[in-house]
N, C-alpha and C. Protein backbone atom coordinates (compact mmCIF):
# COMPACT_ATOMS: atom_id res chain seq x y z
N MET A 1 13.66 -24.34 -7.72
CA MET A 1 13.78 -23.03 -8.26
C MET A 1 15.23 -22.95 -8.41
N THR A 2 15.45 -21.92 -9.29
CA THR A 2 16.67 -21.25 -9.63
C THR A 2 17.14 -20.05 -9.06
N LYS A 3 18.41 -19.77 -8.81
CA LYS A 3 18.85 -18.65 -8.34
C LYS A 3 18.37 -17.30 -8.92
N GLY A 4 17.61 -16.41 -8.26
CA GLY A 4 17.17 -15.19 -8.96
C GLY A 4 15.48 -15.58 -9.15
N SER A 5 14.95 -16.75 -9.00
CA SER A 5 13.64 -16.80 -9.02
C SER A 5 12.70 -16.13 -8.06
N LYS A 6 11.57 -15.56 -8.78
CA LYS A 6 10.65 -14.85 -7.82
C LYS A 6 9.33 -15.59 -7.73
N ILE A 7 8.66 -15.42 -6.58
CA ILE A 7 7.37 -15.81 -6.46
C ILE A 7 6.44 -14.78 -6.39
N GLU A 8 5.45 -14.77 -7.02
CA GLU A 8 4.42 -13.64 -7.29
C GLU A 8 3.02 -14.15 -6.96
N ALA A 9 2.08 -13.58 -6.28
CA ALA A 9 0.75 -13.88 -5.95
C ALA A 9 -0.06 -12.70 -6.17
N SER A 10 -1.09 -13.07 -6.87
CA SER A 10 -2.12 -12.06 -7.11
C SER A 10 -3.62 -12.55 -6.56
N ALA A 11 -4.48 -11.64 -6.23
CA ALA A 11 -5.70 -12.20 -6.01
C ALA A 11 -6.69 -11.08 -6.51
N TRP A 12 -7.76 -11.43 -6.72
CA TRP A 12 -8.84 -10.44 -7.34
C TRP A 12 -10.13 -10.82 -6.67
N TYR A 13 -10.91 -9.75 -6.33
CA TYR A 13 -11.99 -9.75 -5.57
C TYR A 13 -13.22 -9.06 -6.14
N ASP A 14 -14.06 -9.80 -6.58
CA ASP A 14 -15.40 -9.07 -7.16
C ASP A 14 -16.50 -9.07 -6.32
N ASN A 15 -16.65 -7.65 -5.59
CA ASN A 15 -17.60 -7.27 -5.15
C ASN A 15 -18.87 -6.70 -5.53
N SER A 16 -18.86 -7.23 -6.87
CA SER A 16 -19.93 -6.47 -7.60
C SER A 16 -21.27 -7.41 -7.79
N ALA A 17 -22.20 -6.71 -8.27
CA ALA A 17 -23.37 -7.24 -8.39
C ALA A 17 -23.44 -8.27 -9.57
N ASN A 18 -22.37 -8.24 -10.48
CA ASN A 18 -22.00 -9.54 -11.57
C ASN A 18 -21.73 -10.59 -10.86
N ASN A 19 -21.17 -10.77 -9.59
CA ASN A 19 -20.88 -12.01 -9.09
C ASN A 19 -21.86 -12.73 -8.51
N LYS A 20 -22.48 -13.59 -8.87
CA LYS A 20 -23.52 -14.52 -8.39
C LYS A 20 -23.16 -14.96 -7.13
N PHE A 21 -22.16 -15.22 -6.57
CA PHE A 21 -21.78 -15.70 -5.21
C PHE A 21 -21.64 -14.53 -4.33
N ASN A 22 -21.81 -13.24 -4.68
CA ASN A 22 -21.71 -12.30 -3.68
C ASN A 22 -23.07 -11.96 -3.03
N PRO A 23 -23.23 -12.53 -1.80
CA PRO A 23 -24.44 -11.95 -1.14
C PRO A 23 -24.91 -10.66 -1.06
N ASP A 24 -24.16 -9.50 -0.94
CA ASP A 24 -24.55 -8.17 -0.81
C ASP A 24 -23.47 -7.36 -1.47
N PRO A 25 -23.60 -7.00 -2.51
CA PRO A 25 -22.65 -6.06 -3.28
C PRO A 25 -22.35 -4.68 -2.72
N THR A 26 -23.51 -4.43 -1.89
CA THR A 26 -23.35 -3.13 -1.37
C THR A 26 -22.62 -2.93 0.05
N LYS A 27 -22.25 -4.08 0.54
CA LYS A 27 -21.60 -4.36 1.78
C LYS A 27 -19.95 -4.13 1.56
N ASP A 28 -19.18 -3.40 2.47
CA ASP A 28 -17.91 -3.38 2.40
C ASP A 28 -17.36 -4.57 2.81
N VAL A 29 -16.29 -5.09 2.20
CA VAL A 29 -15.61 -6.44 2.59
C VAL A 29 -14.35 -6.06 3.29
N ARG A 30 -14.00 -6.27 4.39
CA ARG A 30 -12.58 -6.06 5.18
C ARG A 30 -12.06 -7.75 5.43
N TRP A 31 -10.63 -7.40 5.74
CA TRP A 31 -9.74 -8.60 6.19
C TRP A 31 -10.50 -9.29 7.13
N GLY A 32 -10.48 -10.58 7.12
CA GLY A 32 -10.82 -11.56 8.06
C GLY A 32 -10.56 -12.95 8.00
N ASP A 33 -10.80 -13.94 8.71
CA ASP A 33 -10.50 -15.31 8.73
C ASP A 33 -11.59 -16.04 8.05
N GLN A 34 -12.76 -15.19 8.12
CA GLN A 34 -13.96 -16.12 7.47
C GLN A 34 -14.17 -16.19 6.22
N SER A 35 -14.65 -17.15 5.50
CA SER A 35 -14.88 -17.11 4.06
C SER A 35 -15.78 -16.04 3.46
N TRP A 36 -16.60 -15.35 4.10
CA TRP A 36 -17.30 -14.40 3.69
C TRP A 36 -16.51 -13.09 3.73
N GLN A 37 -15.36 -12.97 4.34
CA GLN A 37 -14.28 -11.89 4.38
C GLN A 37 -13.20 -12.22 3.52
N GLU A 38 -12.60 -11.07 3.17
CA GLU A 38 -11.46 -11.00 2.44
C GLU A 38 -10.36 -11.92 2.94
N MET A 39 -9.86 -12.73 2.30
CA MET A 39 -8.82 -13.87 2.83
C MET A 39 -7.59 -13.91 2.36
N MET A 40 -7.16 -13.11 1.30
CA MET A 40 -5.71 -13.20 0.70
C MET A 40 -4.52 -13.05 1.63
N ILE A 41 -3.87 -14.27 1.72
CA ILE A 41 -2.56 -14.12 2.64
C ILE A 41 -1.70 -15.25 1.74
N GLY A 42 -0.73 -14.72 1.35
CA GLY A 42 0.29 -15.66 0.85
C GLY A 42 1.25 -16.14 1.88
N PHE A 43 1.39 -17.47 1.76
CA PHE A 43 2.52 -18.02 2.37
C PHE A 43 3.40 -19.15 1.47
N PHE A 44 4.60 -19.33 1.71
CA PHE A 44 5.40 -20.43 1.14
C PHE A 44 6.42 -21.01 2.31
N ASN A 45 6.64 -22.15 1.88
CA ASN A 45 7.66 -23.01 2.81
C ASN A 45 8.91 -23.02 1.97
N ILE A 46 10.10 -23.14 2.69
CA ILE A 46 11.22 -23.60 2.00
C ILE A 46 11.90 -24.80 2.70
N THR A 47 12.72 -25.55 1.95
CA THR A 47 13.61 -26.43 2.71
C THR A 47 15.07 -26.41 2.31
N PHE A 48 16.06 -26.88 3.06
CA PHE A 48 17.45 -26.73 2.79
C PHE A 48 17.97 -27.77 3.60
N ASP A 49 19.26 -28.10 3.28
CA ASP A 49 20.02 -29.03 3.71
C ASP A 49 20.34 -28.46 5.12
N ALA A 50 19.94 -29.74 6.03
CA ALA A 50 20.19 -29.13 7.34
C ALA A 50 21.73 -29.26 7.94
N SER A 51 22.66 -29.58 7.19
CA SER A 51 24.20 -29.42 7.48
C SER A 51 24.41 -27.85 7.31
N LYS A 52 23.75 -27.12 6.24
CA LYS A 52 24.04 -25.74 5.96
C LYS A 52 23.69 -24.73 6.91
N ASP A 53 24.46 -23.68 7.07
CA ASP A 53 24.15 -22.37 8.02
C ASP A 53 22.94 -21.87 7.41
N PRO A 54 21.83 -21.77 8.24
CA PRO A 54 20.72 -21.03 7.85
C PRO A 54 20.96 -19.53 7.49
N MET A 55 21.63 -19.03 8.16
CA MET A 55 21.95 -17.68 7.97
C MET A 55 22.90 -17.18 6.86
N GLU A 56 23.34 -18.28 6.47
CA GLU A 56 24.33 -18.24 5.09
C GLU A 56 23.24 -18.35 4.00
N LEU A 57 22.25 -19.38 4.03
CA LEU A 57 21.31 -19.62 2.99
C LEU A 57 20.16 -18.27 2.88
N LEU A 58 20.09 -17.68 3.88
CA LEU A 58 18.97 -16.83 4.06
C LEU A 58 19.59 -15.27 4.25
N ARG A 59 20.68 -15.06 3.80
CA ARG A 59 21.43 -13.96 3.92
C ARG A 59 20.73 -12.52 3.05
N PRO A 60 20.79 -11.54 3.58
CA PRO A 60 20.23 -10.38 3.03
C PRO A 60 20.60 -10.03 1.43
N ALA A 61 19.93 -9.70 0.64
CA ALA A 61 20.14 -9.40 -0.84
C ALA A 61 21.17 -8.36 -0.81
N ARG A 62 21.90 -8.44 -1.60
CA ARG A 62 22.95 -7.51 -2.04
C ARG A 62 22.30 -6.17 -2.47
N LYS A 63 23.11 -5.02 -2.21
CA LYS A 63 22.56 -3.64 -2.65
C LYS A 63 22.96 -3.63 -4.08
N ALA A 64 22.01 -3.10 -4.92
CA ALA A 64 22.23 -2.56 -6.42
C ALA A 64 23.57 -1.57 -6.62
N PRO A 65 24.31 -1.88 -7.50
CA PRO A 65 25.58 -1.25 -7.73
C PRO A 65 25.02 0.37 -7.88
N ALA A 66 25.65 1.13 -7.42
CA ALA A 66 25.59 2.64 -7.80
C ALA A 66 25.52 3.02 -9.36
N ALA A 67 24.45 3.81 -9.72
CA ALA A 67 24.69 4.26 -11.26
C ALA A 67 25.81 5.00 -11.39
N PRO A 68 26.46 5.06 -12.49
CA PRO A 68 27.62 5.86 -12.91
C PRO A 68 27.32 7.30 -13.05
N ALA A 69 28.34 7.96 -12.70
CA ALA A 69 28.05 9.49 -12.42
C ALA A 69 27.42 10.12 -13.69
N GLY A 70 26.35 10.93 -13.43
CA GLY A 70 25.76 11.50 -14.50
C GLY A 70 24.41 10.79 -14.86
N LEU A 71 24.14 9.56 -14.43
CA LEU A 71 23.11 8.88 -15.06
C LEU A 71 22.02 8.66 -13.75
N GLU A 72 22.18 9.19 -12.58
CA GLU A 72 21.42 9.07 -11.43
C GLU A 72 20.03 9.54 -11.95
């Protein structure tokens, strides 16, 4: 990835009667670890040069510059 790249994750759930795999469209679906529950959790891993200081690699993003006067 290049500097400034972003990671985006999207999920869609079809709890309608149109979903042939939905056993009960009238039942609320709540978060849970089981496959019949909502399971969207995004994970990602990173690797970096072990000789580098991790705190330098993962430093907080800089604040955006202030808007010019009169353009706030």
